Every structure is written in C-alpha cells, then in structure tokens.
Amino acid sequence: MTTTDGLLERIIKRVNRDTDGFDITITVNGAVITGQLISRSVWLEVNIKLLNDVDKMLFADEFAAEGGSLDNEQYLHLSEAKTLSGLEIPLTVGTGYLRIPTASVDSWAIGRVDIQRAR
C-alpha cells in the first residue's frame, strides 16, 4: 500500500498557491535529490517553453492544456535538482527540473545538501 506524507502535501499545496519555492532535499528509492521546491505552474511554464524551443509547439500546446488540470499535491516539482551519488560531481538530470510523485518520496528535509561541504 502506497502512503503519502500529509505534511509534505500541505507544503506542496502552499508552494503551488503562493509560487514561492524553497530548498528541499528528498530521498526516492535510496537516491538523494536536492533542489528548490517550486510550484506546479512554474514547472509547467518552464517545460512548455522548453518544448517550444525544440520546435514541438503542437505538443507544447497539448502539454499546457493537460498540465493545467493536473492534481496539485500528488507531485512535487523541483528546479536546480541534483541527484547525489558516490561520484564527486552531483548529477543533474536533463534541465534540472523534476516532477516526482509524492508517493515515491521516502523522506524529506527542508534545505539543500551543501555539495561543497560534502566533498
């Protein structure tokens, strides 16, 4: 049975409403991901722009239409996301904008991992 953290969902709801993000670190299936929690609308806007930039305008329009109706608290959205591993350099996936189901989050903490101090 999948459970979600009600407090995390309340934080996501607040960020989605106010659009003011803040730093957060989460773990998902053992991976540590650190970045800035952002609103769904900001995440959607950035990804629509990225789709338009790669000449996928038709898909970007469909993406925008569907994205506007997505459930707010079932996903968290990160910018500047870095996945920490045993490597010296943190991994940035794609553009650094991630969408993660809240049900997949094993743990979370407010604040980012200080990558410089972790080395």
PDB file of N, CA and C in Angstrom:
ATOM      1  N   MET A   1       0.830  -1.178   0.000  1.00  0.00           N
ATOM      2  CA  MET A   1       0.000   0.000   0.000  1.00  0.00           C
ATOM      3  C   MET A   1       0.878   1.245   0.000  1.00  0.00           C
ATOM      4  N   THR A   2       0.578   2.159  -0.903  1.00  0.00           N
ATOM      5  CA  THR A   2       1.326   3.399  -1.019  1.00  0.00           C
ATOM      6  C   THR A   2       0.735   4.438  -0.074  1.00  0.00           C
ATOM      7  N   THR A   3       1.605   5.055   0.707  1.00  0.00           N
ATOM      8  CA  THR A   3       1.151   6.121   1.587  1.00  0.00           C
ATOM      9  C   THR A   3       1.881   7.404   1.219  1.00  0.00           C
ATOM     10  N   THR A   4       1.269   8.498   1.523  1.00  0.00           N
ATOM     11  CA  THR A   4       1.906   9.783   1.289  1.00  0.00           C
ATOM     12  C   THR A   4       1.987  10.550   2.596  1.00  0.00           C
ATOM     13  N   ASP A   5       2.858  11.521   2.637  1.00  0.00           N
ATOM     14  CA  ASP A   5       3.076  12.338   3.816  1.00  0.00           C
ATOM     15  C   ASP A   5       2.166  13.563   3.730  1.00  0.00           C
ATOM     16  N   GLY A   6       1.190  13.633   4.623  1.00  0.00           N
ATOM     17  CA  GLY A   6       0.239  14.734   4.621  1.00  0.00           C
ATOM     18  C   GLY A   6       0.895  16.089   4.809  1.00  0.00           C
ATOM     19  N   LEU A   7       1.945  16.149   5.625  1.00  0.00           N
ATOM     20  CA  LEU A   7       2.632  17.420   5.843  1.00  0.00           C
ATOM     21  C   LEU A   7       3.345  17.873   4.566  1.00  0.00           C
ATOM     22  N   LEU A   8       3.988  16.943   3.892  1.00  0.00           N
ATOM     23  CA  LEU A   8       4.641  17.280   2.626  1.00  0.00           C
ATOM     24  C   LEU A   8       3.594  17.768   1.616  1.00  0.00           C
ATOM     25  N   GLU A   9       2.455  17.118   1.577  1.00  0.00           N
ATOM     26  CA  GLU A   9       1.402  17.552   0.654  1.00  0.00           C
ATOM     27  C   GLU A   9       0.898  18.952   0.999  1.00  0.00           C
ATOM     28  N   ARG A  10       0.821  19.284   2.278  1.00  0.00           N
ATOM     29  CA  ARG A  10       0.404  20.635   2.680  1.00  0.00           C
ATOM     30  C   ARG A  10       1.438  21.675   2.244  1.00  0.00           C
ATOM     31  N   ILE A  11       2.715  21.324   2.358  1.00  0.00           N
ATOM     32  CA  ILE A  11       3.780  22.238   1.918  1.00  0.00           C
ATOM     33  C   ILE A  11       3.686  22.452   0.405  1.00  0.00           C
ATOM     34  N   ILE A  12       3.476  21.368  -0.330  1.00  0.00           N
ATOM     35  CA  ILE A  12       3.352  21.464  -1.787  1.00  0.00           C
ATOM     36  C   ILE A  12       2.146  22.332  -2.162  1.00  0.00           C
ATOM     37  N   LYS A  13       1.043  22.138  -1.467  1.00  0.00           N
ATOM     38  CA  LYS A  13      -0.153  22.936  -1.734  1.00  0.00           C
ATOM     39  C   LYS A  13       0.140  24.418  -1.530  1.00  0.00           C
ATOM     40  N   ARG A  14       0.851  24.743  -0.479  1.00  0.00           N
ATOM     41  CA  ARG A  14       1.203  26.139  -0.186  1.00  0.00           C
ATOM     42  C   ARG A  14       2.118  26.710  -1.263  1.00  0.00           C
ATOM     43  N   VAL A  15       3.120  25.937  -1.675  1.00  0.00           N
ATOM     44  CA  VAL A  15       4.031  26.396  -2.731  1.00  0.00           C
ATOM     45  C   VAL A  15       3.268  26.566  -4.041  1.00  0.00           C
ATOM     46  N   ASN A  16       2.367  25.638  -4.342  1.00  0.00           N
ATOM     47  CA  ASN A  16       1.566  25.756  -5.563  1.00  0.00           C
ATOM     48  C   ASN A  16       0.690  27.008  -5.540  1.00  0.00           C
ATOM     49  N   ARG A  17       0.186  27.345  -4.390  1.00  0.00           N
ATOM     50  CA  ARG A  17      -0.693  28.512  -4.255  1.00  0.00           C
ATOM     51  C   ARG A  17       0.099  29.814  -4.292  1.00  0.00           C
ATOM     52  N   ASP A  18       1.201  29.870  -3.550  1.00  0.00           N
ATOM     53  CA  ASP A  18       1.952  31.118  -3.391  1.00  0.00           C
ATOM     54  C   ASP A  18       3.062  31.295  -4.425  1.00  0.00           C
ATOM     55  N   THR A  19       3.459  30.230  -5.082  1.00  0.00           N
ATOM     56  CA  THR A  19       4.547  30.170  -6.069  1.00  0.00           C
ATOM     57  C   THR A  19       5.920  30.534  -5.502  1.00  0.00           C
ATOM     58  N   ASP A  20       6.024  30.726  -4.191  1.00  0.00           N
ATOM     59  CA  ASP A  20       7.335  30.956  -3.581  1.00  0.00           C
ATOM     60  C   ASP A  20       7.921  29.612  -3.192  1.00  0.00           C
ATOM     61  N   GLY A  21       9.026  29.254  -3.818  1.00  0.00           N
ATOM     62  CA  GLY A  21       9.653  27.973  -3.526  1.00  0.00           C
ATOM     63  C   GLY A  21      10.688  28.093  -2.429  1.00  0.00           C
ATOM     64  N   PHE A  22      11.203  26.954  -2.030  1.00  0.00           N
ATOM     65  CA  PHE A  22      12.302  26.931  -1.066  1.00  0.00           C
ATOM     66  C   PHE A  22      13.093  25.650  -1.242  1.00  0.00           C
ATOM     67  N   ASP A  23      14.271  25.627  -0.664  1.00  0.00           N
ATOM     68  CA  ASP A  23      15.170  24.482  -0.804  1.00  0.00           C
ATOM     69  C   ASP A  23      14.642  23.272  -0.047  1.00  0.00           C
ATOM     70  N   ILE A  24      14.839  22.103  -0.657  1.00  0.00           N
ATOM     71  CA  ILE A  24      14.381  20.851  -0.054  1.00  0.00           C
ATOM     72  C   ILE A  24      15.307  19.727  -0.515  1.00  0.00           C
ATOM     73  N   THR A  25      15.444  18.729   0.307  1.00  0.00           N
ATOM     74  CA  THR A  25      16.176  17.513  -0.042  1.00  0.00           C
ATOM     75  C   THR A  25      15.242  16.344   0.213  1.00  0.00           C
ATOM     76  N   ILE A  26      15.175  15.440  -0.757  1.00  0.00           N
ATOM     77  CA  ILE A  26      14.307  14.269  -0.628  1.00  0.00           C
ATOM     78  C   ILE A  26      15.099  13.010  -0.930  1.00  0.00           C
ATOM     79  N   THR A  27      14.573  11.882  -0.497  1.00  0.00           N
ATOM     80  CA  THR A  27      15.121  10.605  -0.939  1.00  0.00           C
ATOM     81  C   THR A  27      14.003   9.845  -1.643  1.00  0.00           C
ATOM     82  N   VAL A  28      14.384   9.210  -2.745  1.00  0.00           N
ATOM     83  CA  VAL A  28      13.459   8.411  -3.549  1.00  0.00           C
ATOM     84  C   VAL A  28      14.178   7.117  -3.894  1.00  0.00           C
ATOM     85  N   ASN A  29      13.683   6.012  -3.370  1.00  0.00           N
ATOM     86  CA  ASN A  29      14.296   4.698  -3.619  1.00  0.00           C
ATOM     87  C   ASN A  29      15.804   4.703  -3.372  1.00  0.00           C
ATOM     88  N   GLY A  30      16.232   5.393  -2.325  1.00  0.00           N
ATOM     89  CA  GLY A  30      17.637   5.414  -1.950  1.00  0.00           C
ATOM     90  C   GLY A  30      18.445   6.537  -2.585  1.00  0.00           C
ATOM     91  N   ALA A  31      17.906   7.201  -3.598  1.00  0.00           N
ATOM     92  CA  ALA A  31      18.614   8.309  -4.234  1.00  0.00           C
ATOM     93  C   ALA A  31      18.331   9.592  -3.456  1.00  0.00           C
ATOM     94  N   VAL A  32      19.373  10.380  -3.234  1.00  0.00           N
ATOM     95  CA  VAL A  32      19.230  11.667  -2.562  1.00  0.00           C
ATOM     96  C   VAL A  32      19.151  12.737  -3.641  1.00  0.00           C
ATOM     97  N   ILE A  33      18.075  13.524  -3.603  1.00  0.00           N
ATOM     98  CA  ILE A  33      17.861  14.585  -4.588  1.00  0.00           C
ATOM     99  C   ILE A  33      17.683  15.887  -3.829  1.00  0.00           C
ATOM    100  N   THR A  34      18.429  16.901  -4.225  1.00  0.00           N
ATOM    101  CA  THR A  34      18.379  18.189  -3.555  1.00  0.00           C
ATOM    102  C   THR A  34      18.117  19.270  -4.593  1.00  0.00           C
ATOM    103  N   GLY A  35      17.325  20.268  -4.230  1.00  0.00           N
ATOM    104  CA  GLY A  35      16.997  21.340  -5.165  1.00  0.00           C
ATOM    105  C   GLY A  35      16.013  22.308  -4.549  1.00  0.00           C
ATOM    106  N   GLN A  36      15.341  23.065  -5.403  1.00  0.00           N
ATOM    107  CA  GLN A  36      14.354  24.029  -4.927  1.00  0.00           C
ATOM    108  C   GLN A  36      12.959  23.529  -5.272  1.00  0.00           C
ATOM    109  N   LEU A  37      12.099  23.449  -4.257  1.00  0.00           N
ATOM    110  CA  LEU A  37      10.704  23.101  -4.447  1.00  0.00           C
ATOM    111  C   LEU A  37      10.028  24.298  -5.113  1.00  0.00           C
ATOM    112  N   ILE A  38       9.384  24.056  -6.256  1.00  0.00           N
ATOM    113  CA  ILE A  38       8.720  25.135  -6.994  1.00  0.00           C
ATOM    114  C   ILE A  38       7.265  24.750  -7.243  1.00  0.00           C
ATOM    115  N   SER A  39       6.477  25.717  -7.650  1.00  0.00           N
ATOM    116  CA  SER A  39       5.065  25.455  -7.912  1.00  0.00           C
ATOM    117  C   SER A  39       4.888  24.667  -9.207  1.00  0.00           C
ATOM    118  N   ARG A  40       3.761  23.993  -9.271  1.00  0.00           N
ATOM    119  CA  ARG A  40       3.408  23.248 -10.477  1.00  0.00           C
ATOM    120  C   ARG A  40       3.332  24.198 -11.665  1.00  0.00           C
ATOM    121  N   SER A  41       2.791  25.395 -11.466  1.00  0.00           N
ATOM    122  CA  SER A  41       2.642  26.342 -12.581  1.00  0.00           C
ATOM    123  C   SER A  41       4.003  26.797 -13.117  1.00  0.00           C
ATOM    124  N   VAL A  42       4.973  27.029 -12.252  1.00  0.00           N
ATOM    125  CA  VAL A  42       6.320  27.407 -12.703  1.00  0.00           C
ATOM    126  C   VAL A  42       6.952  26.253 -13.466  1.00  0.00           C
ATOM    127  N   TRP A  43       6.850  25.035 -12.920  1.00  0.00           N
ATOM    128  CA  TRP A  43       7.401  23.848 -13.587  1.00  0.00           C
ATOM    129  C   TRP A  43       6.777  23.676 -14.970  1.00  0.00           C
ATOM    130  N   LEU A  44       5.470  23.830 -15.041  1.00  0.00           N
ATOM    131  CA  LEU A  44       4.744  23.677 -16.300  1.00  0.00           C
ATOM    132  C   LEU A  44       5.180  24.740 -17.307  1.00  0.00           C
ATOM    133  N   GLU A  45       5.286  25.979 -16.865  1.00  0.00           N
ATOM    134  CA  GLU A  45       5.703  27.086 -17.738  1.00  0.00           C
ATOM    135  C   GLU A  45       7.086  26.837 -18.329  1.00  0.00           C
ATOM    136  N   VAL A  46       8.027  26.397 -17.495  1.00  0.00           N
ATOM    137  CA  VAL A  46       9.387  26.130 -17.962  1.00  0.00           C
ATOM    138  C   VAL A  46       9.386  25.000 -18.995  1.00  0.00           C
ATOM    139  N   ASN A  47       8.640  23.934 -18.728  1.00  0.00           N
ATOM    140  CA  ASN A  47       8.631  22.803 -19.645  1.00  0.00           C
ATOM    141  C   ASN A  47       7.917  23.125 -20.958  1.00  0.00           C
ATOM    142  N   ILE A  48       6.898  23.964 -20.917  1.00  0.00           N
ATOM    143  CA  ILE A  48       6.242  24.403 -22.154  1.00  0.00           C
ATOM    144  C   ILE A  48       7.230  25.208 -22.995  1.00  0.00           C
ATOM    145  N   LYS A  49       7.988  26.089 -22.341  1.00  0.00           N
ATOM    146  CA  LYS A  49       8.996  26.877 -23.058  1.00  0.00           C
ATOM    147  C   LYS A  49      10.059  25.954 -23.665  1.00  0.00           C
ATOM    148  N   LEU A  50      10.494  24.952 -22.913  1.00  0.00           N
ATOM    149  CA  LEU A  50      11.491  24.012 -23.439  1.00  0.00           C
ATOM    150  C   LEU A  50      10.957  23.257 -24.652  1.00  0.00           C
ATOM    151  N   LEU A  51       9.698  22.848 -24.591  1.00  0.00           N
ATOM    152  CA  LEU A  51       9.098  22.158 -25.743  1.00  0.00           C
ATOM    153  C   LEU A  51       9.006  23.087 -26.950  1.00  0.00           C
ATOM    154  N   ASN A  52       8.637  24.330 -26.722  1.00  0.00           N
ATOM    155  CA  ASN A  52       8.588  25.299 -27.824  1.00  0.00           C
ATOM    156  C   ASN A  52       9.978  25.538 -28.412  1.00  0.00           C
ATOM    157  N   ASP A  53      10.995  25.579 -27.554  1.00  0.00           N
ATOM    158  CA  ASP A  53      12.364  25.819 -28.007  1.00  0.00           C
ATOM    159  C   ASP A  53      12.889  24.696 -28.886  1.00  0.00           C
ATOM    160  N   VAL A  54      12.403  23.481 -28.684  1.00  0.00           N
ATOM    161  CA  VAL A  54      12.859  22.356 -29.514  1.00  0.00           C
ATOM    162  C   VAL A  54      11.862  22.076 -30.638  1.00  0.00           C
ATOM    163  N   ASP A  55      11.071  23.107 -30.972  1.00  0.00           N
ATOM    164  CA  ASP A  55      10.144  23.057 -32.100  1.00  0.00           C
ATOM    165  C   ASP A  55       9.098  21.959 -31.966  1.00  0.00           C
ATOM    166  N   LYS A  56       8.577  21.813 -30.773  1.00  0.00           N
ATOM    167  CA  LYS A  56       7.494  20.863 -30.520  1.00  0.00           C
ATOM    168  C   LYS A  56       6.259  21.638 -30.096  1.00  0.00           C
ATOM    169  N   MET A  57       5.932  22.683 -30.821  1.00  0.00           N
ATOM    170  CA  MET A  57       4.868  23.606 -30.418  1.00  0.00           C
ATOM    171  C   MET A  57       3.509  22.924 -30.292  1.00  0.00           C
ATOM    172  N   LEU A  58       3.197  22.002 -31.210  1.00  0.00           N
ATOM    173  CA  LEU A  58       1.906  21.325 -31.130  1.00  0.00           C
ATOM    174  C   LEU A  58       1.823  20.531 -29.833  1.00  0.00           C
ATOM    175  N   PHE A  59       2.873  19.790 -29.529  1.00  0.00           N
ATOM    176  CA  PHE A  59       2.882  19.019 -28.292  1.00  0.00           C
ATOM    177  C   PHE A  59       2.875  19.946 -27.085  1.00  0.00           C
ATOM    178  N   ALA A  60       3.566  21.071 -27.177  1.00  0.00           N
ATOM    179  CA  ALA A  60       3.597  22.028 -26.063  1.00  0.00           C
ATOM    180  C   ALA A  60       2.194  22.530 -25.755  1.00  0.00           C
ATOM    181  N   ASP A  61       1.392  22.773 -26.786  1.00  0.00           N
ATOM    182  CA  ASP A  61       0.013  23.216 -26.562  1.00  0.00           C
ATOM    183  C   ASP A  61      -0.801  22.143 -25.853  1.00  0.00           C
ATOM    184  N   GLU A  62      -0.653  20.883 -26.272  1.00  0.00           N
ATOM    185  CA  GLU A  62      -1.362  19.772 -25.617  1.00  0.00           C
ATOM    186  C   GLU A  62      -0.872  19.613 -24.176  1.00  0.00           C
ATOM    187  N   PHE A  63       0.425  19.726 -23.996  1.00  0.00           N
ATOM    188  CA  PHE A  63       1.047  19.617 -22.680  1.00  0.00           C
ATOM    189  C   PHE A  63       0.483  20.691 -21.748  1.00  0.00           C
ATOM    190  N   ALA A  64       0.365  21.912 -22.259  1.00  0.00           N
ATOM    191  CA  ALA A  64      -0.161  23.016 -21.463  1.00  0.00           C
ATOM    192  C   ALA A  64      -1.610  22.770 -21.073  1.00  0.00           C
ATOM    193  N   ALA A  65      -2.402  22.289 -22.019  1.00  0.00           N
ATOM    194  CA  ALA A  65      -3.820  22.043 -21.747  1.00  0.00           C
ATOM    195  C   ALA A  65      -4.002  20.961 -20.688  1.00  0.00           C
ATOM    196  N   GLU A  66      -3.264  19.872 -20.819  1.00  0.00           N
ATOM    197  CA  GLU A  66      -3.375  18.787 -19.838  1.00  0.00           C
ATOM    198  C   GLU A  66      -2.742  19.169 -18.514  1.00  0.00           C
ATOM    199  N   GLY A  67      -1.602  19.830 -18.572  1.00  0.00           N
ATOM    200  CA  GLY A  67      -0.876  20.204 -17.364  1.00  0.00           C
ATOM    201  C   GLY A  67      -1.642  21.134 -16.460  1.00  0.00           C
ATOM    202  N   GLY A  68      -2.487  21.961 -17.030  1.00  0.00           N
ATOM    203  CA  GLY A  68      -3.273  22.886 -16.235  1.00  0.00           C
ATOM    204  C   GLY A  68      -4.298  22.211 -15.357  1.00  0.00           C
ATOM    205  N   SER A  69      -4.630  20.971 -15.668  1.00  0.00           N
ATOM    206  CA  SER A  69      -5.658  20.275 -14.900  1.00  0.00           C
ATOM    207  C   SER A  69      -5.091  19.176 -13.994  1.00  0.00           C
ATOM    208  N   LEU A  70      -3.781  19.119 -13.885  1.00  0.00           N
ATOM    209  CA  LEU A  70      -3.161  18.059 -13.082  1.00  0.00           C
ATOM    210  C   LEU A  70      -3.422  18.252 -11.597  1.00  0.00           C
ATOM    211  N   ASP A  71      -3.515  17.136 -10.883  1.00  0.00           N
ATOM    212  CA  ASP A  71      -3.695  17.204  -9.429  1.00  0.00           C
ATOM    213  C   ASP A  71      -2.479  17.862  -8.802  1.00  0.00           C
ATOM    214  N   ASN A  72      -2.720  18.800  -7.898  1.00  0.00           N
ATOM    215  CA  ASN A  72      -1.641  19.619  -7.355  1.00  0.00           C
ATOM    216  C   ASN A  72      -0.713  18.921  -6.376  1.00  0.00           C
ATOM    217  N   GLU A  73      -1.252  18.197  -5.423  1.00  0.00           N
ATOM    218  CA  GLU A  73      -0.414  17.693  -4.337  1.00  0.00           C
ATOM    219  C   GLU A  73       0.087  16.264  -4.566  1.00  0.00           C
ATOM    220  N   GLN A  74      -0.242  15.660  -5.668  1.00  0.00           N
ATOM    221  CA  GLN A  74       0.221  14.300  -5.923  1.00  0.00           C
ATOM    222  C   GLN A  74       1.653  14.270  -6.433  1.00  0.00           C
ATOM    223  N   TYR A  75       2.185  15.424  -6.804  1.00  0.00           N
ATOM    224  CA  TYR A  75       3.547  15.522  -7.331  1.00  0.00           C
ATOM    225  C   TYR A  75       4.234  16.720  -6.703  1.00  0.00           C
ATOM    226  N   LEU A  76       5.544  16.600  -6.538  1.00  0.00           N
ATOM    227  CA  LEU A  76       6.320  17.768  -6.169  1.00  0.00           C
ATOM    228  C   LEU A  76       7.189  18.121  -7.356  1.00  0.00           C
ATOM    229  N   HIS A  77       7.514  19.386  -7.459  1.00  0.00           N
ATOM    230  CA  HIS A  77       8.267  19.894  -8.605  1.00  0.00           C
ATOM    231  C   HIS A  77       9.521  20.587  -8.097  1.00  0.00           C
ATOM    232  N   LEU A  78      10.650  20.244  -8.699  1.00  0.00           N
ATOM    233  CA  LEU A  78      11.936  20.799  -8.277  1.00  0.00           C
ATOM    234  C   LEU A  78      12.614  21.515  -9.435  1.00  0.00           C
ATOM    235  N   SER A  79      13.318  22.581  -9.099  1.00  0.00           N
ATOM    236  CA  SER A  79      14.243  23.206 -10.043  1.00  0.00           C
ATOM    237  C   SER A  79      15.639  23.061  -9.448  1.00  0.00           C
ATOM    238  N   GLU A  80      16.647  23.217 -10.298  1.00  0.00           N
ATOM    239  CA  GLU A  80      18.040  23.114  -9.856  1.00  0.00           C
ATOM    240  C   GLU A  80      18.293  21.779  -9.153  1.00  0.00           C
ATOM    241  N   ALA A  81      17.557  20.747  -9.559  1.00  0.00           N
ATOM    242  CA  ALA A  81      17.651  19.442  -8.892  1.00  0.00           C
ATOM    243  C   ALA A  81      18.973  18.757  -9.224  1.00  0.00           C
ATOM    244  N   LYS A  82      19.578  18.226  -8.197  1.00  0.00           N
ATOM    245  CA  LYS A  82      20.810  17.450  -8.352  1.00  0.00           C
ATOM    246  C   LYS A  82      20.639  16.146  -7.598  1.00  0.00           C
ATOM    247  N   THR A  83      21.030  15.062  -8.243  1.00  0.00           N
ATOM    248  CA  THR A  83      20.999  13.749  -7.619  1.00  0.00           C
ATOM    249  C   THR A  83      22.391  13.460  -7.102  1.00  0.00           C
ATOM    250  N   LEU A  84      22.485  13.173  -5.826  1.00  0.00           N
ATOM    251  CA  LEU A  84      23.787  12.912  -5.214  1.00  0.00           C
ATOM    252  C   LEU A  84      24.070  11.423  -5.267  1.00  0.00           C
ATOM    253  N   SER A  85      25.307  11.122  -5.597  1.00  0.00           N
ATOM    254  CA  SER A  85      25.725   9.725  -5.666  1.00  0.00           C
ATOM    255  C   SER A  85      27.123   9.637  -5.075  1.00  0.00           C
ATOM    256  N   GLY A  86      27.760   8.526  -5.256  1.00  0.00           N
ATOM    257  CA  GLY A  86      29.113   8.368  -4.743  1.00  0.00           C
ATOM    258  C   GLY A  86      30.144   9.108  -5.579  1.00  0.00           C
ATOM    259  N   LEU A  87      29.723   9.673  -6.702  1.00  0.00           N
ATOM    260  CA  LEU A  87      30.640  10.411  -7.562  1.00  0.00           C
ATOM    261  C   LEU A  87      30.965  11.764  -6.944  1.00  0.00           C
ATOM    262  N   GLU A  88      32.094  12.328  -7.326  1.00  0.00           N
ATOM    263  CA  GLU A  88      32.459  13.637  -6.789  1.00  0.00           C
ATOM    264  C   GLU A  88      31.565  14.739  -7.330  1.00  0.00           C
ATOM    265  N   ILE A  89      31.053  14.566  -8.552  1.00  0.00           N
ATOM    266  CA  ILE A  89      30.223  15.588  -9.177  1.00  0.00           C
ATOM    267  C   ILE A  89      28.756  15.178  -9.053  1.00  0.00           C
ATOM    268  N   PRO A  90      27.905  16.025  -8.497  1.00  0.00           N
ATOM    269  CA  PRO A  90      26.471  15.708  -8.439  1.00  0.00           C
ATOM    270  C   PRO A  90      25.889  15.625  -9.846  1.00  0.00           C
ATOM    271  N   LEU A  91      24.933  14.761 -10.039  1.00  0.00           N
ATOM    272  CA  LEU A  91      24.330  14.567 -11.349  1.00  0.00           C
ATOM    273  C   LEU A  91      23.113  15.471 -11.505  1.00  0.00           C
ATOM    274  N   THR A  92      23.069  16.195 -12.614  1.00  0.00           N
ATOM    275  CA  THR A  92      21.893  16.978 -12.958  1.00  0.00           C
ATOM    276  C   THR A  92      21.197  16.227 -14.074  1.00  0.00           C
ATOM    277  N   VAL A  93      19.933  15.906 -13.868  1.00  0.00           N
ATOM    278  CA  VAL A  93      19.175  15.173 -14.868  1.00  0.00           C
ATOM    279  C   VAL A  93      18.498  16.168 -15.799  1.00  0.00           C
ATOM    280  N   GLY A  94      18.805  16.091 -17.087  1.00  0.00           N
ATOM    281  CA  GLY A  94      18.185  16.986 -18.071  1.00  0.00           C
ATOM    282  C   GLY A  94      18.416  18.433 -17.720  1.00  0.00           C
ATOM    283  N   THR A  95      17.322  19.166 -17.587  1.00  0.00           N
ATOM    284  CA  THR A  95      17.385  20.606 -17.326  1.00  0.00           C
ATOM    285  C   THR A  95      17.465  20.933 -15.844  1.00  0.00           C
ATOM    286  N   GLY A  96      17.345  19.930 -14.993  1.00  0.00           N
ATOM    287  CA  GLY A  96      17.325  20.175 -13.554  1.00  0.00           C
ATOM    288  C   GLY A  96      15.930  20.415 -13.018  1.00  0.00           C
ATOM    289  N   TYR A  97      14.916  20.322 -13.883  1.00  0.00           N
ATOM    290  CA  TYR A  97      13.517  20.456 -13.457  1.00  0.00           C
ATOM    291  C   TYR A  97      12.920  19.056 -13.385  1.00  0.00           C
ATOM    292  N   LEU A  98      12.527  18.659 -12.192  1.00  0.00           N
ATOM    293  CA  LEU A  98      11.988  17.314 -11.990  1.00  0.00           C
ATOM    294  C   LEU A  98      10.563  17.367 -11.461  1.00  0.00           C
ATOM    295  N   ARG A  99       9.799  16.335 -11.818  1.00  0.00           N
ATOM    296  CA  ARG A  99       8.442  16.124 -11.297  1.00  0.00           C
ATOM    297  C   ARG A  99       8.458  14.740 -10.669  1.00  0.00           C
ATOM    298  N   ILE A 100       8.132  14.665  -9.395  1.00  0.00           N
ATOM    299  CA  ILE A 100       8.262  13.415  -8.646  1.00  0.00           C
ATOM    300  C   ILE A 100       6.957  13.133  -7.912  1.00  0.00           C
ATOM    301  N   PRO A 101       6.418  11.928  -8.042  1.00  0.00           N
ATOM    302  CA  PRO A 101       5.202  11.595  -7.291  1.00  0.00           C
ATOM    303  C   PRO A 101       5.485  11.640  -5.785  1.00  0.00           C
ATOM    304  N   THR A 102       4.622  12.291  -5.028  1.00  0.00           N
ATOM    305  CA  THR A 102       4.838  12.370  -3.582  1.00  0.00           C
ATOM    306  C   THR A 102       4.815  10.985  -2.942  1.00  0.00           C
ATOM    307  N   ALA A 103       4.086  10.056  -3.546  1.00  0.00           N
ATOM    308  CA  ALA A 103       4.029   8.696  -3.005  1.00  0.00           C
ATOM    309  C   ALA A 103       5.382   7.987  -3.117  1.00  0.00           C
ATOM    310  N   SER A 104       6.289   8.505  -3.967  1.00  0.00           N
ATOM    311  CA  SER A 104       7.616   7.897  -4.131  1.00  0.00           C
ATOM    312  C   SER A 104       8.648   8.447  -3.155  1.00  0.00           C
ATOM    313  N   VAL A 105       8.301   9.525  -2.453  1.00  0.00           N
ATOM    314  CA  VAL A 105       9.260  10.163  -1.548  1.00  0.00           C
ATOM    315  C   VAL A 105       9.340   9.363  -0.251  1.00  0.00           C
ATOM    316  N   ASP A 106      10.547   8.876   0.040  1.00  0.00           N
ATOM    317  CA  ASP A 106      10.769   8.093   1.260  1.00  0.00           C
ATOM    318  C   ASP A 106      11.006   8.988   2.471  1.00  0.00           C
ATOM    319  N   SER A 107      11.731  10.095   2.256  1.00  0.00           N
ATOM    320  CA  SER A 107      11.996  11.033   3.342  1.00  0.00           C
ATOM    321  C   SER A 107      12.292  12.400   2.734  1.00  0.00           C
ATOM    322  N   TRP A 108      12.190  13.432   3.570  1.00  0.00           N
ATOM    323  CA  TRP A 108      12.469  14.771   3.083  1.00  0.00           C
ATOM    324  C   TRP A 108      12.924  15.654   4.228  1.00  0.00           C
ATOM    325  N   ALA A 109      13.636  16.726   3.857  1.00  0.00           N
ATOM    326  CA  ALA A 109      14.100  17.712   4.836  1.00  0.00           C
ATOM    327  C   ALA A 109      14.149  19.064   4.147  1.00  0.00           C
ATOM    328  N   ILE A 110      13.791  20.091   4.888  1.00  0.00           N
ATOM    329  CA  ILE A 110      13.892  21.437   4.342  1.00  0.00           C
ATOM    330  C   ILE A 110      15.368  21.813   4.303  1.00  0.00           C
ATOM    331  N   GLY A 111      15.788  22.373   3.174  1.00  0.00           N
ATOM    332  CA  GLY A 111      17.184  22.751   2.964  1.00  0.00           C
ATOM    333  C   GLY A 111      17.834  21.855   1.925  1.00  0.00           C
ATOM    334  N   ARG A 112      18.919  22.347   1.392  1.00  0.00           N
ATOM    335  CA  ARG A 112      19.687  21.582   0.394  1.00  0.00           C
ATOM    336  C   ARG A 112      20.920  20.979   1.027  1.00  0.00           C
ATOM    337  N   VAL A 113      21.378  19.935   0.423  1.00  0.00           N
ATOM    338  CA  VAL A 113      22.665  19.377   0.814  1.00  0.00           C
ATOM    339  C   VAL A 113      23.728  20.354   0.308  1.00  0.00           C
ATOM    340  N   ASP A 114      24.631  20.739   1.178  1.00  0.00           N
ATOM    341  CA  ASP A 114      25.723  21.629   0.789  1.00  0.00           C
ATOM    342  C   ASP A 114      26.763  20.782   0.085  1.00  0.00           C
ATOM    343  N   ILE A 115      26.747  20.832  -1.226  1.00  0.00           N
ATOM    344  CA  ILE A 115      27.605  19.962  -2.035  1.00  0.00           C
ATOM    345  C   ILE A 115      29.076  20.273  -1.807  1.00  0.00           C
ATOM    346  N   GLN A 116      29.431  21.546  -1.624  1.00  0.00           N
ATOM    347  CA  GLN A 116      30.822  21.920  -1.393  1.00  0.00           C
ATOM    348  C   GLN A 116      31.345  21.319  -0.097  1.00  0.00           C
ATOM    349  N   ARG A 117      30.535  21.329   0.944  1.00  0.00           N
ATOM    350  CA  ARG A 117      30.958  20.810   2.253  1.00  0.00           C
ATOM    351  C   ARG A 117      30.951  19.288   2.277  1.00  0.00           C
ATOM    352  N   ALA A 118      30.165  18.666   1.379  1.00  0.00           N
ATOM    353  CA  ALA A 118      30.037  17.213   1.373  1.00  0.00           C
ATOM    354  C   ALA A 118      31.256  16.551   0.764  1.00  0.00           C
ATOM    355  N   ARG A 119      32.061  17.295   0.052  1.00  0.00           N
ATOM    356  CA  ARG A 119      33.246  16.703  -0.622  1.00  0.00           C
ATOM    357  C   ARG A 119      34.359  16.436   0.329  1.00  0.00           C
TER     358      ARG A 119
END
